[in-house]
Amino acid sequence: QAALRTARLAQARRLIAGHLQNPDLAPTMVADELGVSVRHLHMLFETAEKSFSQTVTDERLKQSRRLMRETPERLIADVAAACGFESLATYYRVFNAAYGMAPGDFRAQGSDRR
């Protein structure tokens, strides 16, 4: 039973990673692909350190940092959209809350290190 839960959680994380750019990524979509109920999906994430939505946000933020490092000329709005953030304001707010700086400051910091 525990092994099945672990495998399903890993599968859910892979599905999240594969659909990050989709702003409509939601528990119902992942639950349907896994063949489980939304409640069961949330229960899988209860055993993890982060909830479903925290996992999605965290992965989107990591992806956005990667994109800013790899393509520094790309507009921040394009990076946010490519990572599934529907609103630029939301992206700035969430990024700042997670890292204590604006995306542009993160990017500027990266270019200082080169």
PDB file of N, CA and C in Angstrom:
ATOM      1  N   GLN A   1       0.832  -1.203   0.000  1.00  0.00           N
ATOM      2  CA  GLN A   1       0.000   0.000   0.000  1.00  0.00           C
ATOM      3  C   GLN A   1       0.876   1.267   0.000  1.00  0.00           C
ATOM      4  N   ALA A   2       1.889   1.276   0.868  1.00  0.00           N
ATOM      5  CA  ALA A   2       2.783   2.435   0.952  1.00  0.00           C
ATOM      6  C   ALA A   2       3.567   2.604  -0.353  1.00  0.00           C
ATOM      7  N   ALA A   3       3.993   1.496  -0.933  1.00  0.00           N
ATOM      8  CA  ALA A   3       4.744   1.545  -2.190  1.00  0.00           C
ATOM      9  C   ALA A   3       3.872   2.102  -3.311  1.00  0.00           C
ATOM     10  N   LEU A   4       2.608   1.713  -3.329  1.00  0.00           N
ATOM     11  CA  LEU A   4       1.672   2.203  -4.339  1.00  0.00           C
ATOM     12  C   LEU A   4       1.463   3.717  -4.190  1.00  0.00           C
ATOM     13  N   ARG A   5       1.313   4.154  -2.934  1.00  0.00           N
ATOM     14  CA  ARG A   5       1.149   5.599  -2.683  1.00  0.00           C
ATOM     15  C   ARG A   5       2.380   6.373  -3.155  1.00  0.00           C
ATOM     16  N   THR A   6       3.557   5.852  -2.839  1.00  0.00           N
ATOM     17  CA  THR A   6       4.813   6.498  -3.238  1.00  0.00           C
ATOM     18  C   THR A   6       4.914   6.570  -4.758  1.00  0.00           C
ATOM     19  N   ALA A   7       4.558   5.481  -5.422  1.00  0.00           N
ATOM     20  CA  ALA A   7       4.611   5.436  -6.887  1.00  0.00           C
ATOM     21  C   ALA A   7       3.614   6.417  -7.496  1.00  0.00           C
ATOM     22  N   ARG A   8       2.414   6.477  -6.935  1.00  0.00           N
ATOM     23  CA  ARG A   8       1.392   7.402  -7.451  1.00  0.00           C
ATOM     24  C   ARG A   8       1.806   8.854  -7.237  1.00  0.00           C
ATOM     25  N   LEU A   9       2.416   9.132  -6.084  1.00  0.00           N
ATOM     26  CA  LEU A   9       2.873  10.496  -5.814  1.00  0.00           C
ATOM     27  C   LEU A   9       3.969  10.881  -6.810  1.00  0.00           C
ATOM     28  N   ALA A  10       4.889   9.975  -7.080  1.00  0.00           N
ATOM     29  CA  ALA A  10       5.956  10.230  -8.053  1.00  0.00           C
ATOM     30  C   ALA A  10       5.357  10.461  -9.439  1.00  0.00           C
ATOM     31  N   GLN A  11       4.361   9.664  -9.780  1.00  0.00           N
ATOM     32  CA  GLN A  11       3.683   9.805 -11.067  1.00  0.00           C
ATOM     33  C   GLN A  11       2.969  11.165 -11.144  1.00  0.00           C
ATOM     34  N   ALA A  12       2.330  11.560 -10.060  1.00  0.00           N
ATOM     35  CA  ALA A  12       1.648  12.860 -10.017  1.00  0.00           C
ATOM     36  C   ALA A  12       2.653  13.987 -10.218  1.00  0.00           C
ATOM     37  N   ARG A  13       3.809  13.872  -9.582  1.00  0.00           N
ATOM     38  CA  ARG A  13       4.848  14.906  -9.737  1.00  0.00           C
ATOM     39  C   ARG A  13       5.364  14.969 -11.174  1.00  0.00           C
ATOM     40  N   ARG A  14       5.495  13.808 -11.809  1.00  0.00           N
ATOM     41  CA  ARG A  14       5.929  13.789 -13.215  1.00  0.00           C
ATOM     42  C   ARG A  14       4.886  14.460 -14.101  1.00  0.00           C
ATOM     43  N   LEU A  15       3.616  14.186 -13.833  1.00  0.00           N
ATOM     44  CA  LEU A  15       2.540  14.815 -14.605  1.00  0.00           C
ATOM     45  C   LEU A  15       2.561  16.335 -14.414  1.00  0.00           C
ATOM     46  N   ILE A  16       2.775  16.776 -13.186  1.00  0.00           N
ATOM     47  CA  ILE A  16       2.866  18.216 -12.910  1.00  0.00           C
ATOM     48  C   ILE A  16       4.019  18.808 -13.715  1.00  0.00           C
ATOM     49  N   ALA A  17       5.182  18.177 -13.640  1.00  0.00           N
ATOM     50  CA  ALA A  17       6.370  18.678 -14.351  1.00  0.00           C
ATOM     51  C   ALA A  17       6.124  18.748 -15.857  1.00  0.00           C
ATOM     52  N   GLY A  18       5.381  17.798 -16.379  1.00  0.00           N
ATOM     53  CA  GLY A  18       5.110  17.760 -17.811  1.00  0.00           C
ATOM     54  C   GLY A  18       4.068  18.756 -18.287  1.00  0.00           C
ATOM     55  N   HIS A  19       3.315  19.327 -17.343  1.00  0.00           N
ATOM     56  CA  HIS A  19       2.234  20.244 -17.714  1.00  0.00           C
ATOM     57  C   HIS A  19       2.379  21.628 -17.070  1.00  0.00           C
ATOM     58  N   LEU A  20       3.572  21.967 -16.614  1.00  0.00           N
ATOM     59  CA  LEU A  20       3.777  23.249 -15.920  1.00  0.00           C
ATOM     60  C   LEU A  20       3.333  24.452 -16.744  1.00  0.00           C
ATOM     61  N   GLN A  21       3.579  24.397 -18.052  1.00  0.00           N
ATOM     62  CA  GLN A  21       3.265  25.549 -18.902  1.00  0.00           C
ATOM     63  C   GLN A  21       1.763  25.756 -19.077  1.00  0.00           C
ATOM     64  N   ASN A  22       0.970  24.772 -18.700  1.00  0.00           N
ATOM     65  CA  ASN A  22      -0.483  24.867 -18.841  1.00  0.00           C
ATOM     66  C   ASN A  22      -1.068  25.642 -17.658  1.00  0.00           C
ATOM     67  N   PRO A  23      -1.588  26.859 -17.898  1.00  0.00           N
ATOM     68  CA  PRO A  23      -2.144  27.633 -16.779  1.00  0.00           C
ATOM     69  C   PRO A  23      -3.363  26.958 -16.145  1.00  0.00           C
ATOM     70  N   ASP A  24      -3.979  26.020 -16.867  1.00  0.00           N
ATOM     71  CA  ASP A  24      -5.156  25.316 -16.354  1.00  0.00           C
ATOM     72  C   ASP A  24      -4.803  24.034 -15.608  1.00  0.00           C
ATOM     73  N   LEU A  25      -3.521  23.821 -15.332  1.00  0.00           N
ATOM     74  CA  LEU A  25      -3.103  22.642 -14.577  1.00  0.00           C
ATOM     75  C   LEU A  25      -3.835  22.650 -13.238  1.00  0.00           C
ATOM     76  N   ALA A  26      -4.596  21.594 -12.999  1.00  0.00           N
ATOM     77  CA  ALA A  26      -5.431  21.538 -11.799  1.00  0.00           C
ATOM     78  C   ALA A  26      -5.465  20.112 -11.263  1.00  0.00           C
ATOM     79  N   PRO A  27      -5.833  19.976 -10.000  1.00  0.00           N
ATOM     80  CA  PRO A  27      -5.919  18.632  -9.419  1.00  0.00           C
ATOM     81  C   PRO A  27      -6.809  17.678 -10.208  1.00  0.00           C
ATOM     82  N   THR A  28      -7.919  18.178 -10.773  1.00  0.00           N
ATOM     83  CA  THR A  28      -8.818  17.288 -11.522  1.00  0.00           C
ATOM     84  C   THR A  28      -8.108  16.680 -12.724  1.00  0.00           C
ATOM     85  N   MET A  29      -7.301  17.475 -13.399  1.00  0.00           N
ATOM     86  CA  MET A  29      -6.571  17.001 -14.575  1.00  0.00           C
ATOM     87  C   MET A  29      -5.592  15.890 -14.194  1.00  0.00           C
ATOM     88  N   VAL A  30      -4.818  16.112 -13.140  1.00  0.00           N
ATOM     89  CA  VAL A  30      -3.822  15.131 -12.702  1.00  0.00           C
ATOM     90  C   VAL A  30      -4.518  13.886 -12.152  1.00  0.00           C
ATOM     91  N   ALA A  31      -5.567  14.075 -11.374  1.00  0.00           N
ATOM     92  CA  ALA A  31      -6.303  12.939 -10.812  1.00  0.00           C
ATOM     93  C   ALA A  31      -6.884  12.070 -11.934  1.00  0.00           C
ATOM     94  N   ASP A  32      -7.449  12.713 -12.955  1.00  0.00           N
ATOM     95  CA  ASP A  32      -8.005  11.964 -14.092  1.00  0.00           C
ATOM     96  C   ASP A  32      -6.928  11.132 -14.776  1.00  0.00           C
ATOM     97  N   GLU A  33      -5.758  11.748 -14.993  1.00  0.00           N
ATOM     98  CA  GLU A  33      -4.661  11.020 -15.659  1.00  0.00           C
ATOM     99  C   GLU A  33      -4.163   9.852 -14.818  1.00  0.00           C
ATOM    100  N   LEU A  34      -4.199  10.013 -13.498  1.00  0.00           N
ATOM    101  CA  LEU A  34      -3.754   8.938 -12.597  1.00  0.00           C
ATOM    102  C   LEU A  34      -4.842   7.879 -12.381  1.00  0.00           C
ATOM    103  N   GLY A  35      -6.071   8.239 -12.703  1.00  0.00           N
ATOM    104  CA  GLY A  35      -7.180   7.317 -12.477  1.00  0.00           C
ATOM    105  C   GLY A  35      -7.591   7.239 -11.012  1.00  0.00           C
ATOM    106  N   VAL A  36      -7.449   8.374 -10.303  1.00  0.00           N
ATOM    107  CA  VAL A  36      -7.857   8.438  -8.895  1.00  0.00           C
ATOM    108  C   VAL A  36      -8.775   9.638  -8.704  1.00  0.00           C
ATOM    109  N   SER A  37      -9.418   9.698  -7.545  1.00  0.00           N
ATOM    110  CA  SER A  37     -10.268  10.849  -7.252  1.00  0.00           C
ATOM    111  C   SER A  37      -9.394  12.044  -6.854  1.00  0.00           C
ATOM    112  N   VAL A  38      -9.974  13.218  -6.936  1.00  0.00           N
ATOM    113  CA  VAL A  38      -9.260  14.426  -6.521  1.00  0.00           C
ATOM    114  C   VAL A  38      -8.925  14.328  -5.031  1.00  0.00           C
ATOM    115  N   ARG A  39      -9.844  13.809  -4.248  1.00  0.00           N
ATOM    116  CA  ARG A  39      -9.613  13.633  -2.805  1.00  0.00           C
ATOM    117  C   ARG A  39      -8.409  12.713  -2.576  1.00  0.00           C
ATOM    118  N   HIS A  40      -8.335  11.629  -3.322  1.00  0.00           N
ATOM    119  CA  HIS A  40      -7.204  10.707  -3.178  1.00  0.00           C
ATOM    120  C   HIS A  40      -5.894  11.395  -3.560  1.00  0.00           C
ATOM    121  N   LEU A  41      -5.928  12.194  -4.620  1.00  0.00           N
ATOM    122  CA  LEU A  41      -4.740  12.937  -5.035  1.00  0.00           C
ATOM    123  C   LEU A  41      -4.260  13.851  -3.905  1.00  0.00           C
ATOM    124  N   HIS A  42      -5.186  14.583  -3.307  1.00  0.00           N
ATOM    125  CA  HIS A  42      -4.812  15.474  -2.202  1.00  0.00           C
ATOM    126  C   HIS A  42      -4.277  14.676  -1.012  1.00  0.00           C
ATOM    127  N   MET A  43      -4.840  13.511  -0.784  1.00  0.00           N
ATOM    128  CA  MET A  43      -4.351  12.649   0.299  1.00  0.00           C
ATOM    129  C   MET A  43      -2.909  12.197   0.026  1.00  0.00           C
ATOM    130  N   LEU A  44      -2.577  11.933  -1.234  1.00  0.00           N
ATOM    131  CA  LEU A  44      -1.205  11.558  -1.589  1.00  0.00           C
ATOM    132  C   LEU A  44      -0.235  12.677  -1.205  1.00  0.00           C
ATOM    133  N   PHE A  45      -0.650  13.912  -1.459  1.00  0.00           N
ATOM    134  CA  PHE A  45       0.218  15.050  -1.167  1.00  0.00           C
ATOM    135  C   PHE A  45       0.266  15.393   0.323  1.00  0.00           C
ATOM    136  N   GLU A  46      -0.721  14.890   1.104  1.00  0.00           N
ATOM    137  CA  GLU A  46      -0.687  15.117   2.553  1.00  0.00           C
ATOM    138  C   GLU A  46       0.540  14.464   3.183  1.00  0.00           C
ATOM    139  N   THR A  47       1.007  13.372   2.594  1.00  0.00           N
ATOM    140  CA  THR A  47       2.183  12.685   3.133  1.00  0.00           C
ATOM    141  C   THR A  47       3.482  13.351   2.673  1.00  0.00           C
ATOM    142  N   ALA A  48       3.394  14.201   1.673  1.00  0.00           N
ATOM    143  CA  ALA A  48       4.571  14.912   1.157  1.00  0.00           C
ATOM    144  C   ALA A  48       4.766  16.205   1.954  1.00  0.00           C
ATOM    145  N   GLU A  49       5.880  16.855   1.705  1.00  0.00           N
ATOM    146  CA  GLU A  49       6.168  18.094   2.444  1.00  0.00           C
ATOM    147  C   GLU A  49       5.367  19.286   1.922  1.00  0.00           C
ATOM    148  N   LYS A  50       4.835  19.180   0.688  1.00  0.00           N
ATOM    149  CA  LYS A  50       4.076  20.279   0.096  1.00  0.00           C
ATOM    150  C   LYS A  50       2.763  19.771  -0.470  1.00  0.00           C
ATOM    151  N   SER A  51       1.756  20.651  -0.449  1.00  0.00           N
ATOM    152  CA  SER A  51       0.458  20.317  -1.038  1.00  0.00           C
ATOM    153  C   SER A  51       0.572  20.309  -2.563  1.00  0.00           C
ATOM    154  N   PHE A  52      -0.489  19.902  -3.228  1.00  0.00           N
ATOM    155  CA  PHE A  52      -0.521  19.894  -4.689  1.00  0.00           C
ATOM    156  C   PHE A  52      -0.212  21.292  -5.227  1.00  0.00           C
ATOM    157  N   SER A  53      -0.957  22.295  -4.761  1.00  0.00           N
ATOM    158  CA  SER A  53      -0.775  23.643  -5.310  1.00  0.00           C
ATOM    159  C   SER A  53       0.598  24.215  -4.958  1.00  0.00           C
ATOM    160  N   GLN A  54       1.109  23.920  -3.774  1.00  0.00           N
ATOM    161  CA  GLN A  54       2.458  24.370  -3.417  1.00  0.00           C
ATOM    162  C   GLN A  54       3.502  23.720  -4.326  1.00  0.00           C
ATOM    163  N   THR A  55       3.294  22.454  -4.636  1.00  0.00           N
ATOM    164  CA  THR A  55       4.209  21.737  -5.522  1.00  0.00           C
ATOM    165  C   THR A  55       4.196  22.361  -6.911  1.00  0.00           C
ATOM    166  N   VAL A  56       3.008  22.642  -7.431  1.00  0.00           N
ATOM    167  CA  VAL A  56       2.885  23.265  -8.760  1.00  0.00           C
ATOM    168  C   VAL A  56       3.586  24.621  -8.770  1.00  0.00           C
ATOM    169  N   THR A  57       3.305  25.450  -7.781  1.00  0.00           N
ATOM    170  CA  THR A  57       3.917  26.786  -7.721  1.00  0.00           C
ATOM    171  C   THR A  57       5.429  26.687  -7.603  1.00  0.00           C
ATOM    172  N   ASP A  58       5.897  25.808  -6.733  1.00  0.00           N
ATOM    173  CA  ASP A  58       7.335  25.635  -6.526  1.00  0.00           C
ATOM    174  C   ASP A  58       8.034  25.194  -7.815  1.00  0.00           C
ATOM    175  N   GLU A  59       7.441  24.237  -8.514  1.00  0.00           N
ATOM    176  CA  GLU A  59       8.032  23.758  -9.768  1.00  0.00           C
ATOM    177  C   GLU A  59       8.019  24.844 -10.839  1.00  0.00           C
ATOM    178  N   ARG A  60       6.942  25.630 -10.886  1.00  0.00           N
ATOM    179  CA  ARG A  60       6.874  26.734 -11.855  1.00  0.00           C
ATOM    180  C   ARG A  60       7.949  27.776 -11.559  1.00  0.00           C
ATOM    181  N   LEU A  61       8.157  28.075 -10.291  1.00  0.00           N
ATOM    182  CA  LEU A  61       9.181  29.054  -9.915  1.00  0.00           C
ATOM    183  C   LEU A  61      10.577  28.544 -10.269  1.00  0.00           C
ATOM    184  N   LYS A  62      10.847  27.276  -9.983  1.00  0.00           N
ATOM    185  CA  LYS A  62      12.155  26.690 -10.327  1.00  0.00           C
ATOM    186  C   LYS A  62      12.383  26.754 -11.838  1.00  0.00           C
ATOM    187  N   GLN A  63      11.350  26.417 -12.593  1.00  0.00           N
ATOM    188  CA  GLN A  63      11.439  26.463 -14.058  1.00  0.00           C
ATOM    189  C   GLN A  63      11.692  27.894 -14.529  1.00  0.00           C
ATOM    190  N   SER A  64      11.036  28.863 -13.914  1.00  0.00           N
ATOM    191  CA  SER A  64      11.223  30.256 -14.335  1.00  0.00           C
ATOM    192  C   SER A  64      12.653  30.713 -14.051  1.00  0.00           C
ATOM    193  N   ARG A  65      13.210  30.299 -12.936  1.00  0.00           N
ATOM    194  CA  ARG A  65      14.604  30.661 -12.626  1.00  0.00           C
ATOM    195  C   ARG A  65      15.553  30.038 -13.654  1.00  0.00           C
ATOM    196  N   ARG A  66      15.275  28.787 -14.005  1.00  0.00           N
ATOM    197  CA  ARG A  66      16.095  28.097 -15.008  1.00  0.00           C
ATOM    198  C   ARG A  66      16.034  28.842 -16.345  1.00  0.00           C
ATOM    199  N   LEU A  67      14.830  29.204 -16.765  1.00  0.00           N
ATOM    200  CA  LEU A  67      14.663  29.910 -18.039  1.00  0.00           C
ATOM    201  C   LEU A  67      15.358  31.270 -18.026  1.00  0.00           C
ATOM    202  N   MET A  68      15.283  31.978 -16.904  1.00  0.00           N
ATOM    203  CA  MET A  68      15.950  33.290 -16.835  1.00  0.00           C
ATOM    204  C   MET A  68      17.465  33.145 -16.903  1.00  0.00           C
ATOM    205  N   ARG A  69      17.989  32.075 -16.330  1.00  0.00           N
ATOM    206  CA  ARG A  69      19.443  31.841 -16.403  1.00  0.00           C
ATOM    207  C   ARG A  69      19.859  31.428 -17.815  1.00  0.00           C
ATOM    208  N   GLU A  70      19.063  30.558 -18.434  1.00  0.00           N
ATOM    209  CA  GLU A  70      19.419  30.012 -19.748  1.00  0.00           C
ATOM    210  C   GLU A  70      19.170  30.993 -20.889  1.00  0.00           C
ATOM    211  N   THR A  71      18.137  31.829 -20.757  1.00  0.00           N
ATOM    212  CA  THR A  71      17.801  32.793 -21.818  1.00  0.00           C
ATOM    213  C   THR A  71      17.609  34.179 -21.210  1.00  0.00           C
ATOM    214  N   PRO A  72      18.720  34.828 -20.815  1.00  0.00           N
ATOM    215  CA  PRO A  72      18.612  36.124 -20.120  1.00  0.00           C
ATOM    216  C   PRO A  72      17.986  37.243 -20.958  1.00  0.00           C
ATOM    217  N   GLU A  73      17.963  37.063 -22.279  1.00  0.00           N
ATOM    218  CA  GLU A  73      17.370  38.105 -23.124  1.00  0.00           C
ATOM    219  C   GLU A  73      15.847  38.001 -23.196  1.00  0.00           C
ATOM    220  N   ARG A  74      15.301  36.895 -22.748  1.00  0.00           N
ATOM    221  CA  ARG A  74      13.851  36.668 -22.818  1.00  0.00           C
ATOM    222  C   ARG A  74      13.103  37.580 -21.840  1.00  0.00           C
ATOM    223  N   LEU A  75      12.000  38.124 -22.287  1.00  0.00           N
ATOM    224  CA  LEU A  75      11.189  38.991 -21.432  1.00  0.00           C
ATOM    225  C   LEU A  75      10.657  38.210 -20.236  1.00  0.00           C
ATOM    226  N   ILE A  76      10.610  38.853 -19.095  1.00  0.00           N
ATOM    227  CA  ILE A  76      10.108  38.199 -17.883  1.00  0.00           C
ATOM    228  C   ILE A  76       8.653  37.779 -18.065  1.00  0.00           C
ATOM    229  N   ALA A  77       7.883  38.578 -18.765  1.00  0.00           N
ATOM    230  CA  ALA A  77       6.483  38.213 -19.035  1.00  0.00           C
ATOM    231  C   ALA A  77       6.401  36.908 -19.831  1.00  0.00           C
ATOM    232  N   ASP A  78       7.326  36.719 -20.790  1.00  0.00           N
ATOM    233  CA  ASP A  78       7.360  35.475 -21.570  1.00  0.00           C
ATOM    234  C   ASP A  78       7.746  34.286 -20.692  1.00  0.00           C
ATOM    235  N   VAL A  79       8.705  34.508 -19.802  1.00  0.00           N
ATOM    236  CA  VAL A  79       9.132  33.443 -18.878  1.00  0.00           C
ATOM    237  C   VAL A  79       7.953  33.040 -17.993  1.00  0.00           C
ATOM    238  N   ALA A  80       7.266  34.025 -17.433  1.00  0.00           N
ATOM    239  CA  ALA A  80       6.115  33.748 -16.563  1.00  0.00           C
ATOM    240  C   ALA A  80       5.044  32.951 -17.310  1.00  0.00           C
ATOM    241  N   ALA A  81       4.727  33.366 -18.529  1.00  0.00           N
ATOM    242  CA  ALA A  81       3.709  32.673 -19.330  1.00  0.00           C
ATOM    243  C   ALA A  81       4.160  31.257 -19.685  1.00  0.00           C
ATOM    244  N   ALA A  82       5.441  31.089 -20.018  1.00  0.00           N
ATOM    245  CA  ALA A  82       5.973  29.767 -20.375  1.00  0.00           C
ATOM    246  C   ALA A  82       5.928  28.800 -19.198  1.00  0.00           C
ATOM    247  N   CYS A  83       5.877  29.341 -17.996  1.00  0.00           N
ATOM    248  CA  CYS A  83       5.848  28.502 -16.794  1.00  0.00           C
ATOM    249  C   CYS A  83       4.434  28.342 -16.239  1.00  0.00           C
ATOM    250  N   GLY A  84       3.445  28.831 -16.978  1.00  0.00           N
ATOM    251  CA  GLY A  84       2.056  28.597 -16.595  1.00  0.00           C
ATOM    252  C   GLY A  84       1.441  29.649 -15.691  1.00  0.00           C
ATOM    253  N   PHE A  85       2.128  30.761 -15.474  1.00  0.00           N
ATOM    254  CA  PHE A  85       1.530  31.825 -14.667  1.00  0.00           C
ATOM    255  C   PHE A  85       0.609  32.639 -15.567  1.00  0.00           C
ATOM    256  N   GLU A  86      -0.661  32.707 -15.198  1.00  0.00           N
ATOM    257  CA  GLU A  86      -1.634  33.442 -16.010  1.00  0.00           C
ATOM    258  C   GLU A  86      -1.471  34.946 -15.867  1.00  0.00           C
ATOM    259  N   SER A  87      -1.014  35.378 -14.703  1.00  0.00           N
ATOM    260  CA  SER A  87      -0.915  36.807 -14.418  1.00  0.00           C
ATOM    261  C   SER A  87       0.526  37.167 -14.066  1.00  0.00           C
ATOM    262  N   LEU A  88       1.020  38.220 -14.683  1.00  0.00           N
ATOM    263  CA  LEU A  88       2.368  38.694 -14.386  1.00  0.00           C
ATOM    264  C   LEU A  88       2.446  39.197 -12.949  1.00  0.00           C
ATOM    265  N   ALA A  89       1.381  39.843 -12.488  1.00  0.00           N
ATOM    266  CA  ALA A  89       1.346  40.342 -11.105  1.00  0.00           C
ATOM    267  C   ALA A  89       1.459  39.187 -10.112  1.00  0.00           C
ATOM    268  N   THR A  90       0.748  38.103 -10.382  1.00  0.00           N
ATOM    269  CA  THR A  90       0.826  36.924  -9.519  1.00  0.00           C
ATOM    270  C   THR A  90       2.239  36.355  -9.531  1.00  0.00           C
ATOM    271  N   TYR A  91       2.829  36.268 -10.716  1.00  0.00           N
ATOM    272  CA  TYR A  91       4.199  35.755 -10.826  1.00  0.00           C
ATOM    273  C   TYR A  91       5.158  36.582  -9.982  1.00  0.00           C
ATOM    274  N   TYR A  92       5.099  37.906 -10.093  1.00  0.00           N
ATOM    275  CA  TYR A  92       5.986  38.777  -9.312  1.00  0.00           C
ATOM    276  C   TYR A  92       5.762  38.585  -7.810  1.00  0.00           C
ATOM    277  N   ARG A  93       4.493  38.517  -7.409  1.00  0.00           N
ATOM    278  CA  ARG A  93       4.166  38.375  -5.988  1.00  0.00           C
ATOM    279  C   ARG A  93       4.694  37.059  -5.430  1.00  0.00           C
ATOM    280  N   VAL A  94       4.448  35.964  -6.156  1.00  0.00           N
ATOM    281  CA  VAL A  94       4.857  34.637  -5.706  1.00  0.00           C
ATOM    282  C   VAL A  94       6.386  34.510  -5.719  1.00  0.00           C
ATOM    283  N   PHE A  95       7.023  35.035  -6.749  1.00  0.00           N
ATOM    284  CA  PHE A  95       8.486  34.983  -6.856  1.00  0.00           C
ATOM    285  C   PHE A  95       9.114  35.739  -5.695  1.00  0.00           C
ATOM    286  N   ASN A  96       8.597  36.950  -5.443  1.00  0.00           N
ATOM    287  CA  ASN A  96       9.118  37.771  -4.359  1.00  0.00           C
ATOM    288  C   ASN A  96       8.922  37.095  -3.002  1.00  0.00           C
ATOM    289  N   ALA A  97       7.767  36.470  -2.795  1.00  0.00           N
ATOM    290  CA  ALA A  97       7.499  35.783  -1.533  1.00  0.00           C
ATOM    291  C   ALA A  97       8.453  34.604  -1.337  1.00  0.00           C
ATOM    292  N   ALA A  98       8.760  33.913  -2.427  1.00  0.00           N
ATOM    293  CA  ALA A  98       9.616  32.723  -2.339  1.00  0.00           C
ATOM    294  C   ALA A  98      11.093  33.070  -2.195  1.00  0.00           C
ATOM    295  N   TYR A  99      11.549  34.103  -2.900  1.00  0.00           N
ATOM    296  CA  TYR A  99      12.988  34.373  -2.976  1.00  0.00           C
ATOM    297  C   TYR A  99      13.419  35.719  -2.404  1.00  0.00           C
ATOM    298  N   GLY A 100      12.459  36.536  -1.967  1.00  0.00           N
ATOM    299  CA  GLY A 100      12.797  37.809  -1.354  1.00  0.00           C
ATOM    300  C   GLY A 100      13.329  38.859  -2.319  1.00  0.00           C
ATOM    301  N   MET A 101      13.022  38.681  -3.595  1.00  0.00           N
ATOM    302  CA  MET A 101      13.444  39.661  -4.611  1.00  0.00           C
ATOM    303  C   MET A 101      12.552  39.519  -5.838  1.00  0.00           C
ATOM    304  N   ALA A 102      12.560  40.545  -6.663  1.00  0.00           N
ATOM    305  CA  ALA A 102      11.787  40.514  -7.907  1.00  0.00           C
ATOM    306  C   ALA A 102      12.535  39.681  -8.945  1.00  0.00           C
ATOM    307  N   PRO A 103      11.825  39.117  -9.921  1.00  0.00           N
ATOM    308  CA  PRO A 103      12.489  38.330 -10.975  1.00  0.00           C
ATOM    309  C   PRO A 103      13.606  39.103 -11.680  1.00  0.00           C
ATOM    310  N   GLY A 104      13.396  40.391 -11.936  1.00  0.00           N
ATOM    311  CA  GLY A 104      14.419  41.193 -12.598  1.00  0.00           C
ATOM    312  C   GLY A 104      15.697  41.301 -11.760  1.00  0.00           C
ATOM    313  N   ASP A 105      15.523  41.398 -10.442  1.00  0.00           N
ATOM    314  CA  ASP A 105      16.682  41.453  -9.541  1.00  0.00           C
ATOM    315  C   ASP A 105      17.421  40.117  -9.552  1.00  0.00           C
ATOM    316  N   PHE A 106      16.673  39.025  -9.590  1.00  0.00           N
ATOM    317  CA  PHE A 106      17.292  37.699  -9.681  1.00  0.00           C
ATOM    318  C   PHE A 106      18.123  37.596 -10.958  1.00  0.00           C
ATOM    319  N   ARG A 107      17.534  38.039 -12.057  1.00  0.00           N
ATOM    320  CA  ARG A 107      18.228  37.984 -13.343  1.00  0.00           C
ATOM    321  C   ARG A 107      19.488  38.847 -13.310  1.00  0.00           C
ATOM    322  N   ALA A 108      19.391  40.048 -12.751  1.00  0.00           N
ATOM    323  CA  ALA A 108      20.547  40.960 -12.671  1.00  0.00           C
ATOM    324  C   ALA A 108      21.660  40.340 -11.813  1.00  0.00           C
ATOM    325  N   GLN A 109      21.264  39.675 -10.757  1.00  0.00           N
ATOM    326  CA  GLN A 109      22.221  38.996  -9.879  1.00  0.00           C
ATOM    327  C   GLN A 109      22.970  37.913 -10.654  1.00  0.00           C
ATOM    328  N   GLY A 110      22.240  37.191 -11.485  1.00  0.00           N
ATOM    329  CA  GLY A 110      22.833  36.133 -12.292  1.00  0.00           C
ATOM    330  C   GLY A 110      23.863  36.658 -13.260  1.00  0.00           C
ATOM    331  N   SER A 111      23.587  37.825 -13.851  1.00  0.00           N
ATOM    332  CA  SER A 111      24.541  38.375 -14.824  1.00  0.00           C
ATOM    333  C   SER A 111      25.774  38.941 -14.119  1.00  0.00           C
ATOM    334  N   ASP A 112      25.669  39.278 -12.847  1.00  0.00           N
ATOM    335  CA  ASP A 112      26.823  39.746 -12.070  1.00  0.00           C
ATOM    336  C   ASP A 112      27.824  38.613 -11.858  1.00  0.00           C
ATOM    337  N   ARG A 113      27.320  37.388 -11.779  1.00  0.00           N
ATOM    338  CA  ARG A 113      28.158  36.229 -11.450  1.00  0.00           C
ATOM    339  C   ARG A 113      28.909  35.696 -12.656  1.00  0.00           C
ATOM    340  N   ARG A 114      28.581  36.130 -13.854  1.00  0.00           N
ATOM    341  CA  ARG A 114      29.236  35.571 -15.045  1.00  0.00           C
ATOM    342  C   ARG A 114      30.636  36.066 -15.217  1.00  0.00           C
TER     343      ARG A 114
END
